């Protein structure tokens, strides 16, 4: 059976619009907000309005609540390939600036979580929200099963207590998707996600982090102290099913990991394009008509980097295609995330090295992309976590059997 690797015509429109916005609106302000950490990029309001207008046609989705997972609130959507649409949009916008992508209103990973697990009734009731996702705590990083934040049912409300750190867009988003346990004695099966308004009694933004990269995106530490929310704000099925673990909550990652992988692919492509210009101006010829060993060392290295990028890209696209076609993609989502994120970090760092003083200085954006790309190998699960997921799926073992 032949495989057609060309993008459908509908997705080409998404790519063109995303790339246009990245080139004309994000690249020009990229350095400005890298140097002004914690300042809100007001220019993003225009881009958010543009995305909203395009999404209103119900034929194209971006990386918001109606994108990942193919959320359809009113039954009138004509989006086929919603995950792929959101993915290629994230790739193109990340080519412009990944930190600014993470700051675009209503395009957050929390929105993707809502789309993945919320019921149709919840989507209708919530309406338009900008959601951050709060998983990590002071006591753990990638081991999401170690959640200690609690949500105790009291009458018709859940009372949430705990602290979350490294919450992307945590001080800007209107809502926060909080991972909490409803019963510690039942283990990981009792971990659920809740939607909590950021400006809500008992919710406090403790601080904003100073970071290596993605400086245009705010990253917050948030404390929940007896924050009471309606029990209907528990996303998805409230029943604790011990025999199924917390697979329902983890489905979020099957949809968001390809998006993060796409971010890495976008940043890496930006670095490759910039590096090619620098090498060409230095008189280095890169040929596809003769083997790498017959070319200069820089040309051979560039070809190797391109091949690695292509592998990461194809794995990423495959995982989104599976999601759109209702094919379980947990293994492939982790494979794409592991490969693309590692490739993104390797390519951006190598580009800095090969460009020399130009790459290391602020003369170009290469050093910024190298700093930005590292987080993509960390959040949504580190490299090691992705390898564990892949190994478990290949061997048919549970998380308890393979740690």
Protein backbone atom coordinates (compact mmCIF):
# COMPACT_ATOMS: atom_id res chain seq x y z
CA UNK A 1 0.00 0.00 0.00
CA UNK A 2 1.45 3.33 -1.08
CA UNK A 3 1.78 6.16 1.44
CA UNK A 4 1.15 9.73 0.34
CA UNK A 5 3.44 12.02 2.33
CA UNK A 6 2.05 15.25 0.90
CA UNK A 7 0.01 17.54 3.13
CA UNK A 8 -3.71 17.80 2.25
CA UNK A 9 -4.72 21.04 0.59
CA UNK A 10 -6.71 22.16 3.64
CA UNK A 11 -3.65 21.83 5.87
CA UNK A 12 -1.54 23.85 3.45
CA UNK A 13 -3.78 26.81 4.26
CA UNK A 14 -3.07 26.30 7.98
CA UNK A 15 0.66 26.15 7.26
CA UNK A 16 0.60 29.30 5.14
CA UNK A 17 -1.38 31.29 7.70
CA UNK A 18 0.74 30.07 10.60
CA UNK A 19 3.98 30.82 8.80
CA UNK A 20 2.77 34.25 7.74
CA UNK A 21 1.85 35.17 11.29
CA UNK A 22 5.17 33.84 12.60
CA UNK A 23 7.23 35.72 10.02
CA UNK A 24 5.38 39.03 10.13
CA UNK A 25 4.27 39.24 13.76
CA UNK A 26 6.49 37.02 15.93
CA UNK A 27 10.00 37.15 14.48
CA UNK A 28 10.13 40.98 14.61
CA UNK A 29 9.38 41.02 18.37
CA UNK A 30 11.21 37.82 19.31
CA UNK A 31 14.33 39.44 20.75
CA UNK A 32 12.32 42.25 22.38
CA UNK A 33 10.41 39.92 24.68
CA UNK A 34 13.36 37.62 25.25
CA UNK A 35 15.06 40.60 26.87
CA UNK A 36 11.89 41.75 28.68
CA UNK A 37 11.06 38.65 30.71
CA UNK A 38 7.59 38.64 32.30
CA UNK A 39 6.36 41.52 30.12
CA UNK A 40 3.14 40.56 28.35
CA UNK A 41 3.52 40.67 24.53
CA UNK A 42 0.52 42.85 23.71
CA UNK A 43 1.06 42.17 20.00
CA UNK A 44 -0.22 38.64 20.60
CA UNK A 45 -3.75 39.91 21.08
CA UNK A 46 -3.87 40.65 17.36
CA UNK A 47 -2.62 37.17 16.49
CA UNK A 48 -5.15 35.58 18.85
CA UNK A 49 -7.94 37.53 17.15
CA UNK A 50 -6.69 36.33 13.76
CA UNK A 51 -6.69 32.69 14.88
CA UNK A 52 -10.14 33.10 16.42
CA UNK A 53 -11.54 34.49 13.18
CA UNK A 54 -10.14 31.63 11.14
CA UNK A 55 -11.31 29.03 13.67
CA UNK A 56 -14.83 30.46 13.61
CA UNK A 57 -15.27 29.00 10.12
CA UNK A 58 -15.17 25.51 11.77
CA UNK A 59 -12.94 24.15 9.01
CA UNK A 60 -9.48 24.76 10.49
CA UNK A 61 -8.32 24.21 14.07
CA UNK A 62 -5.42 25.66 15.97
CA UNK A 63 -3.79 24.47 19.19
CA UNK A 64 -6.63 25.55 21.46
CA UNK A 65 -9.57 23.77 23.03
CA UNK A 66 -11.23 23.05 19.69
CA UNK A 67 -7.99 21.86 18.14
CA UNK A 68 -6.27 19.03 19.95
CA UNK A 69 -8.59 16.06 20.19
CA UNK A 70 -11.03 17.57 17.70
CA UNK A 71 -13.36 19.14 20.25
CA UNK A 72 -16.75 19.97 18.73
CA UNK A 73 -19.13 21.84 20.98
CA UNK A 74 -22.06 22.64 18.70
CA UNK A 75 -21.96 19.68 16.31
CA UNK A 76 -21.37 21.97 13.32
CA UNK A 77 -17.64 21.50 12.96
CA UNK A 78 -16.31 20.47 9.58
CA UNK A 79 -12.79 19.89 10.87
CA UNK A 80 -11.37 16.58 9.74
CA UNK A 81 -7.79 16.25 10.87
CA UNK A 82 -8.06 18.58 13.86
CA UNK A 83 -4.98 17.19 15.60
CA UNK A 84 -2.89 17.47 12.45
CA UNK A 85 -4.18 21.00 11.87
CA UNK A 86 -3.22 22.04 15.41
CA UNK A 87 0.16 20.34 14.99
CA UNK A 88 1.25 22.03 11.77
CA UNK A 89 0.06 25.36 13.14
CA UNK A 90 2.19 24.89 16.26
CA UNK A 91 5.16 23.91 14.09
CA UNK A 92 4.95 27.02 11.93
CA UNK A 93 4.32 29.43 14.81
CA UNK A 94 7.23 27.89 16.75
CA UNK A 95 9.42 28.54 13.72
CA UNK A 96 8.70 32.17 14.56
CA UNK A 97 9.05 31.96 18.34
CA UNK A 98 8.07 29.08 20.62
CA UNK A 99 7.89 31.26 23.75
CA UNK A 100 5.43 33.59 22.05
CA UNK A 101 3.37 30.60 20.90
CA UNK A 102 3.08 29.54 24.53
CA UNK A 103 1.82 33.04 25.32
CA UNK A 104 -0.93 33.34 22.69
CA UNK A 105 -4.31 33.63 24.46
CA UNK A 106 -6.58 30.54 24.25
CA UNK A 107 -3.86 28.40 22.64
CA UNK A 108 -2.41 26.87 25.82
CA UNK A 109 -1.70 23.26 26.76
CA UNK A 110 -4.44 23.53 29.36
CA UNK A 111 -6.88 24.12 26.52
CA UNK A 112 -5.62 20.92 24.92
CA UNK A 113 -6.24 19.10 28.20
CA UNK A 114 -9.81 20.40 28.30
CA UNK A 115 -10.39 19.27 24.75
CA UNK A 116 -8.99 15.83 25.52
CA UNK A 117 -11.03 14.89 28.59
CA UNK A 118 -13.92 17.34 29.06
CA UNK A 119 -17.46 16.22 28.30
CA UNK A 120 -19.59 17.97 25.69
CA UNK A 121 -21.66 19.52 28.48
CA UNK A 122 -18.52 20.88 30.12
CA UNK A 123 -17.25 22.36 26.86
CA UNK A 124 -20.58 24.12 26.39
CA UNK A 125 -20.65 25.40 29.97
CA UNK A 126 -17.04 26.58 30.07
CA UNK A 127 -17.25 28.46 26.81
CA UNK A 128 -14.18 30.47 25.85
CA UNK A 129 -11.37 30.08 28.38
CA UNK A 130 -7.60 30.40 28.33
CA UNK A 131 -6.28 27.51 30.40
CA UNK A 132 -2.85 26.80 31.84
CA UNK A 133 -1.98 23.25 32.91
CA UNK A 134 -0.71 22.61 36.46
CA UNK A 135 0.88 19.21 37.06
CA UNK A 136 4.40 19.58 38.49
CA UNK A 137 4.85 20.01 42.25
CA UNK A 138 7.85 20.83 44.45
CA UNK A 139 8.21 17.12 45.29
CA UNK A 140 8.19 15.71 41.76
CA UNK A 141 8.77 16.53 38.12
CA UNK A 142 7.97 14.00 35.41
CA UNK A 143 6.42 11.35 37.64
CA UNK A 144 2.86 12.63 37.30
CA UNK A 145 1.59 9.69 39.37
CA UNK A 146 3.19 11.31 42.44
CA UNK A 147 0.60 14.10 42.65
CA UNK A 148 -0.01 15.17 46.26
CA UNK A 149 -2.42 18.06 45.64
CA UNK A 150 -5.79 16.96 47.01
CA UNK A 151 -9.36 17.54 45.91
CA UNK A 152 -11.84 16.55 48.66
CA UNK A 153 -15.55 16.40 47.87
CA UNK A 154 -17.55 18.47 50.34
CA UNK A 155 -21.24 18.52 49.42
CA UNK A 156 -21.49 19.92 45.88
CA UNK A 157 -17.94 21.28 45.86
CA UNK A 158 -14.37 20.02 45.69
CA UNK A 159 -11.90 21.63 48.08
CA UNK A 160 -8.43 21.81 46.52
CA UNK A 161 -5.21 22.12 48.51
CA UNK A 162 -1.64 21.96 47.26
CA UNK A 163 1.11 23.75 45.38
CA UNK A 164 1.98 23.62 41.69
CA UNK A 165 5.19 24.91 40.11
CA UNK A 166 6.37 25.65 36.56
CA UNK A 167 2.87 26.43 35.36
CA UNK A 168 3.19 27.81 31.82
CA UNK A 169 1.03 30.94 31.37
CA UNK A 170 0.03 30.53 35.01
CA UNK A 171 -0.29 34.25 35.73
CA UNK A 172 -1.93 35.16 32.41
CA UNK A 173 -4.44 32.40 31.71
CA UNK A 174 -8.02 32.86 32.89
CA UNK A 175 -8.26 29.26 34.15
CA UNK A 176 -5.95 26.51 35.39
CA UNK A 177 -6.29 22.78 34.76
CA UNK A 178 -5.15 21.28 38.07
CA UNK A 179 -4.14 17.65 38.57
CA UNK A 180 -5.16 16.46 42.03
CA UNK A 181 -6.00 13.23 43.83
CA UNK A 182 -9.50 12.63 45.15
CA UNK A 183 -8.34 9.76 47.39
CA UNK A 184 -4.66 9.13 48.18
CA UNK A 185 -5.39 5.58 49.36
CA UNK A 186 -6.49 4.56 45.85
CA UNK A 187 -3.20 5.53 44.20
CA UNK A 188 -2.87 6.89 40.69
CA UNK A 189 -6.39 5.85 39.68
CA UNK A 190 -7.73 8.63 41.92
CA UNK A 191 -5.84 11.40 40.07
CA UNK A 192 -8.25 13.67 38.24
CA UNK A 193 -8.03 17.01 36.48
CA UNK A 194 -10.05 20.03 37.54
CA UNK A 195 -10.72 23.37 35.90
CA UNK A 196 -10.17 26.26 38.33
CA UNK A 197 -10.50 30.01 37.63
CA UNK A 198 -7.16 31.72 38.27
CA UNK A 199 -8.80 34.67 40.04
CA UNK A 200 -10.65 32.56 42.57
CA UNK A 201 -10.71 32.52 46.39
CA UNK A 202 -7.91 30.29 47.64
CA UNK A 203 -5.82 30.53 44.44
CA UNK A 204 -2.58 32.51 44.75
CA UNK A 205 0.15 33.09 42.17
CA UNK A 206 3.19 32.90 44.46
CA UNK A 207 5.92 33.94 42.04
CA UNK A 208 7.13 34.01 38.45
CA UNK A 209 10.23 32.01 37.58
CA UNK A 210 13.36 33.38 35.91
CA UNK A 211 14.38 30.86 33.26
CA UNK A 212 17.06 29.80 30.80
CA UNK A 213 14.75 30.13 27.81
CA UNK A 214 11.16 30.82 26.67
CA UNK A 215 11.42 34.09 28.57
CA UNK A 216 8.44 35.64 26.75
CA UNK A 217 6.26 32.98 28.37
CA UNK A 218 5.50 33.46 32.05
CA UNK A 219 6.04 30.42 34.28
CA UNK A 220 4.34 30.56 37.67
CA UNK A 221 4.21 28.85 41.04
CA UNK A 222 0.60 28.64 42.24
CA UNK A 223 -0.76 27.74 45.68
CA UNK A 224 -4.25 26.33 46.26
CA UNK A 225 -5.51 26.82 49.81
CA UNK A 226 -9.04 25.55 50.43
CA UNK A 227 -10.03 26.58 46.92
CA UNK A 228 -13.66 25.50 46.53
CA UNK A 229 -14.99 24.73 43.06
CA UNK A 230 -18.26 23.14 41.86
CA UNK A 231 -18.04 19.38 41.54
CA UNK A 232 -18.96 19.79 37.87
CA UNK A 233 -15.49 21.31 37.36
CA UNK A 234 -13.93 17.85 37.54
CA UNK A 235 -13.05 17.21 33.90
CA UNK A 236 -14.28 13.97 32.38
CA UNK A 237 -15.52 10.97 34.36
CA UNK A 238 -15.60 11.51 38.16
CA UNK A 239 -15.66 7.77 38.90
CA UNK A 240 -12.43 6.26 40.22
CA UNK A 241 -11.70 3.08 38.26
CA UNK A 242 -8.86 1.35 40.06
CA UNK A 243 -8.56 -1.38 37.42
CA UNK A 244 -7.87 1.19 34.69
CA UNK A 245 -5.33 3.31 36.58
CA UNK A 246 -5.41 6.95 35.54
CA UNK A 247 -5.42 6.34 31.82
CA UNK A 248 -8.23 8.85 31.28
CA UNK A 249 -6.13 11.71 32.63
CA UNK A 250 -3.04 10.47 30.79
CA UNK A 251 -4.91 10.63 27.48
CA UNK A 252 -4.18 14.33 27.66
CA UNK A 253 -0.52 13.59 26.95
CA UNK A 254 -1.32 11.46 23.90
CA UNK A 255 -2.73 14.61 22.33
CA UNK A 256 -0.36 17.25 23.70
CA UNK A 257 2.97 15.45 23.27
CA UNK A 258 2.73 15.64 19.46
CA UNK A 259 2.13 19.40 19.82
CA UNK A 260 5.26 19.83 21.95
CA UNK A 261 7.18 17.68 19.47
CA UNK A 262 5.96 19.99 16.70
CA UNK A 263 7.29 22.97 18.64
CA UNK A 264 10.73 21.32 18.71
CA UNK A 265 10.52 20.55 14.99
CA UNK A 266 9.65 24.19 14.28
CA UNK A 267 12.52 25.64 16.34
CA UNK A 268 14.97 23.16 14.81
CA UNK A 269 13.89 24.06 11.29
CA UNK A 270 14.40 27.75 12.05
CA UNK A 271 17.95 27.00 13.22
CA UNK A 272 18.70 24.85 10.16
CA UNK A 273 17.51 27.55 7.79
CA UNK A 274 19.56 30.24 9.53
CA UNK A 275 22.63 28.01 9.65
CA UNK A 276 22.34 27.25 5.94
CA UNK A 277 22.37 30.97 5.14
CA UNK A 278 25.47 31.47 7.29
CA UNK A 279 27.29 28.50 5.71
CA UNK A 280 26.38 29.61 2.20
CA UNK A 281 27.65 33.13 2.87
CA UNK A 282 30.89 31.55 4.12
CA UNK A 283 31.29 29.80 0.76
CA UNK A 284 30.40 26.30 1.96
CA UNK A 285 28.51 24.30 -0.66
CA UNK A 286 25.93 21.75 0.46
CA UNK A 287 25.10 19.22 -2.24
CA UNK A 288 22.43 16.52 -2.39
CA UNK A 289 23.99 14.96 -5.50
CA UNK A 290 27.05 13.47 -3.85
CA UNK A 291 27.58 11.55 -0.60
CA UNK A 292 28.30 13.37 2.62
CA UNK A 293 31.81 11.90 2.96
CA UNK A 294 32.76 13.51 -0.36
CA UNK A 295 31.84 17.00 0.91
CA UNK A 296 33.33 19.40 3.44
CA UNK A 297 32.95 18.63 7.13
CA UNK A 298 30.42 21.45 7.71
CA UNK A 299 28.34 20.30 4.73
CA UNK A 300 28.40 16.68 5.91
CA UNK A 301 27.34 17.73 9.41
CA UNK A 302 24.53 19.84 8.03
CA UNK A 303 23.22 16.91 6.01
CA UNK A 304 23.30 14.71 9.11
CA UNK A 305 21.32 17.31 11.04
CA UNK A 306 18.73 17.55 8.27
CA UNK A 307 18.29 13.78 8.25
CA UNK A 308 17.74 13.76 12.03
CA UNK A 309 15.24 16.60 11.69
CA UNK A 310 13.31 14.68 9.03
CA UNK A 311 13.06 11.64 11.29
CA UNK A 312 11.69 13.74 14.14
CA UNK A 313 9.24 15.47 11.84
CA UNK A 314 7.85 12.25 10.36
CA UNK A 315 7.40 10.59 13.76
CA UNK A 316 5.59 13.68 15.02
CA UNK A 317 3.24 13.88 12.06
CA UNK A 318 2.47 10.17 12.32
CA UNK A 319 1.30 10.45 15.93
CA UNK A 320 -1.12 13.28 15.09
CA UNK A 321 -2.45 11.37 12.08
CA UNK A 322 -3.18 8.40 14.34
CA UNK A 323 -5.08 10.60 16.79
CA UNK A 324 -7.23 11.98 13.98
CA UNK A 325 -7.98 8.47 12.77
CA UNK A 326 -8.89 7.15 16.26
CA UNK A 327 -5.84 4.90 16.33
CA UNK A 328 -4.22 4.52 19.81
CA UNK A 329 -1.08 6.62 19.64
CA UNK A 330 0.42 6.57 23.12
CA UNK A 331 3.60 4.81 21.96
CA UNK A 332 3.97 6.91 18.82
CA UNK A 333 3.23 10.17 20.66
CA UNK A 334 6.07 9.40 23.06
CA UNK A 335 8.36 8.29 20.22
CA UNK A 336 7.73 11.53 18.37
CA UNK A 337 8.18 13.64 21.49
CA UNK A 338 11.41 11.86 22.46
CA UNK A 339 12.95 12.06 19.00
CA UNK A 340 11.83 15.57 18.03
CA UNK A 341 12.71 17.12 21.38
CA UNK A 342 16.18 15.58 21.44
CA UNK A 343 16.77 16.52 17.82
CA UNK A 344 15.56 20.05 18.47
CA UNK A 345 18.01 20.52 21.32
CA UNK A 346 20.90 18.91 19.42
CA UNK A 347 20.32 20.87 16.21
CA UNK A 348 19.98 24.28 17.85
CA UNK A 349 23.12 23.76 19.95
CA UNK A 350 25.08 22.45 16.96
CA UNK A 351 23.94 25.42 14.91
CA UNK A 352 25.36 27.77 17.57
CA UNK A 353 28.64 25.86 17.47
CA UNK A 354 28.95 25.82 13.67
CA UNK A 355 28.02 29.49 13.33
CA UNK A 356 30.83 30.47 15.71
CA UNK A 357 30.75 33.99 17.13
CA UNK A 358 27.62 34.84 15.14
CA UNK A 359 25.80 31.93 16.73
CA UNK A 360 26.94 32.64 20.28
CA UNK A 361 26.16 36.36 20.21
CA UNK A 362 22.82 38.14 20.03
CA UNK A 363 23.66 39.06 16.44
CA UNK A 364 21.32 36.27 15.36
CA UNK A 365 18.53 34.32 17.08
CA UNK A 366 20.51 31.06 17.10
CA UNK A 367 21.58 31.33 20.75
CA UNK A 368 17.99 32.14 21.75
CA UNK A 369 16.62 29.11 19.91
CA UNK A 370 19.21 26.92 21.66
CA UNK A 371 18.00 28.20 25.04
CA UNK A 372 14.34 27.92 24.12
CA UNK A 373 14.57 24.39 22.75
CA UNK A 374 15.79 22.78 25.99
CA UNK A 375 12.42 23.05 27.72
CA UNK A 376 10.82 21.05 24.91
CA UNK A 377 12.88 18.05 26.01
CA UNK A 378 11.61 18.49 29.56
CA UNK A 379 7.95 19.46 29.80
CA UNK A 380 5.15 17.07 28.87
CA UNK A 381 7.53 14.36 30.12
CA UNK A 382 11.31 14.21 29.92
CA UNK A 383 13.32 12.14 27.45
CA UNK A 384 13.59 9.34 30.02
CA UNK A 385 9.83 9.29 30.67
CA UNK A 386 9.12 9.01 26.93
CA UNK A 387 11.52 6.08 26.65
CA UNK A 388 9.76 4.38 29.58
CA UNK A 389 6.36 4.83 27.91
CA UNK A 390 7.65 3.42 24.62
CA UNK A 391 9.28 0.45 26.37
CA UNK A 392 6.10 -0.33 28.32
CA UNK A 393 4.00 -0.26 25.16
CA UNK A 394 6.44 -2.44 23.21
CA UNK A 395 6.82 -4.99 26.01
CA UNK A 396 3.20 -4.92 27.16
CA UNK A 397 4.18 -4.04 30.74
CA UNK A 398 2.46 -1.75 33.21
CA UNK A 399 4.09 1.20 34.96
CA UNK A 400 4.31 -0.92 38.11
CA UNK A 401 6.14 -3.67 36.22
CA UNK A 402 8.61 -1.37 34.44
CA UNK A 403 9.84 1.70 36.32
